[in-house]
Protein backbone atom coordinates (compact mmCIF):
# COMPACT_ATOMS: atom_id res chain seq x y z
CA MET A 1 -302.39 100.60 38.19
CA VAL A 2 -302.81 101.71 34.59
CA PRO A 3 -299.83 103.41 32.94
CA GLN A 4 -300.28 107.03 31.92
CA CYS A 5 -298.85 106.66 28.43
CA GLY A 6 -299.16 104.34 25.48
CA LEU A 7 -298.02 100.75 25.32
CA ALA A 8 -298.68 99.61 21.77
CA ARG A 9 -297.20 96.10 21.50
CA LEU A 10 -295.27 93.50 23.44
CA ARG A 11 -291.68 92.81 22.41
CA LEU A 12 -290.95 89.41 23.90
CA GLY A 13 -288.04 87.80 22.07
CA ALA A 14 -288.49 84.29 23.47
CA ARG A 15 -287.97 81.27 21.21
CA GLU A 16 -289.98 78.09 20.90
CA ALA A 17 -287.11 75.84 19.79
CA PRO A 18 -283.54 76.35 18.65
CA GLY A 19 -283.51 78.06 15.27
CA SER A 20 -287.20 78.98 15.34
CA MET A 21 -288.61 82.47 15.02
CA PRO A 22 -289.52 84.25 18.28
CA ARG A 23 -293.13 84.15 19.36
CA LEU A 24 -294.72 87.56 19.27
CA THR A 25 -297.37 86.95 21.89
CA TYR A 26 -298.47 84.60 24.66
CA THR A 27 -301.82 83.99 26.29
CA LEU A 28 -302.40 85.42 29.73
CA GLY A 29 -302.71 81.84 31.03
CA GLU A 30 -299.24 80.95 29.72
CA ILE A 31 -297.80 84.02 31.39
CA ALA A 32 -299.64 83.38 34.67
CA SER A 33 -298.32 79.82 34.80
CA ARG A 34 -294.77 81.17 34.97
CA ILE A 35 -294.87 84.51 36.81
CA GLU A 36 -297.15 86.15 39.39
CA ILE A 37 -296.56 89.79 38.49
CA LEU A 38 -296.26 91.11 34.94
CA GLU A 39 -294.19 94.28 34.61
CA VAL A 40 -294.80 96.40 31.51
CA ARG A 41 -292.41 99.24 30.64
CA CYS A 42 -292.05 101.67 27.77
CA SER A 43 -288.64 102.06 26.16
CA ARG A 44 -289.37 105.63 25.02
CA CYS A 45 -290.77 107.23 28.16
CA ASP A 46 -291.09 106.69 31.92
CA CYS A 47 -294.35 104.78 31.67
CA ALA A 48 -294.42 101.53 33.65
CA GLY A 49 -296.88 99.36 35.50
CA CYS A 50 -297.10 96.03 37.34
CA TYR A 51 -300.08 93.73 37.02
CA SER A 52 -301.14 90.58 38.87
CA THR A 53 -301.28 87.76 36.32
CA ALA A 54 -303.92 85.94 38.40
CA ARG A 55 -306.13 89.02 38.27
CA LEU A 56 -305.55 89.43 34.52
CA VAL A 57 -306.63 85.81 33.96
CA ALA A 58 -309.69 86.28 36.18
CA GLU A 59 -310.72 89.44 34.32
CA HIS A 60 -309.85 88.48 30.73
CA GLY A 61 -309.58 84.68 30.68
CA ALA A 62 -306.62 82.33 30.39
CA ASP A 63 -306.86 82.20 26.58
CA ALA A 64 -306.78 85.99 26.16
CA ASP A 65 -304.05 87.33 23.89
CA SER A 66 -301.55 89.36 25.93
CA SER A 67 -300.85 91.77 23.06
CA ALA A 68 -304.56 92.56 22.73
CA TRP A 69 -304.66 93.34 26.45
CA VAL A 70 -301.73 95.75 26.07
CA ARG A 71 -303.40 97.45 23.09
CA GLY A 72 -306.43 97.99 25.34
CA LEU A 73 -304.22 99.73 27.91
CA VAL A 74 -303.07 102.32 25.39
CA ALA A 75 -306.10 102.82 23.21
CA ASP A 76 -306.72 106.36 24.50
CA CYS A 77 -303.10 107.51 24.87
CA PRO A 78 -302.54 110.87 23.11
CA GLN A 79 -298.97 109.85 22.31
CA ASN A 80 -300.32 107.15 19.95
CA ASN A 81 -301.71 109.86 17.67
CA GLY A 82 -298.24 111.21 16.87
CA SER A 83 -295.52 110.08 14.55
CA TRP A 84 -294.86 106.34 14.32
CA TYR A 85 -291.33 106.97 15.63
CA GLU A 86 -292.58 108.85 18.71
CA ARG A 87 -295.08 106.23 19.83
CA CYS A 88 -294.36 104.23 22.94
CA ASP A 89 -292.62 100.89 22.63
CA PRO A 90 -293.77 98.54 25.42
CA TYR A 91 -291.89 95.53 26.64
CA CYS A 92 -292.14 93.05 29.50
CA PRO A 93 -288.65 92.54 30.96
CA ALA A 94 -289.41 89.25 32.74
CA LEU A 95 -290.94 87.40 29.80
CA ALA A 96 -287.69 86.90 27.91
CA LYS A 97 -286.30 85.21 31.00
CA VAL A 98 -289.20 82.79 31.60
CA PHE A 99 -290.10 81.76 28.04
């Protein structure tokens, strides 16, 4: 299922070590090793979708950058042509819990 609106970037918020800066992206292989289904939601609209991490790894490879995959989802979204403040803001609720 491909969401109907734009998802421009992943907002993850997980930390590598105490006091370190949050990582901004993970590989699809890292995500697949921890969860089976990746939920992507937009904080500015009703757009949402769930994706099998095993299928994502099979299609894009374990070393694929998850943020690049999300950018591919939204490349043709008309909402991305508007104001910066009106663009969708994607996030993956489960990632902050598992990383």
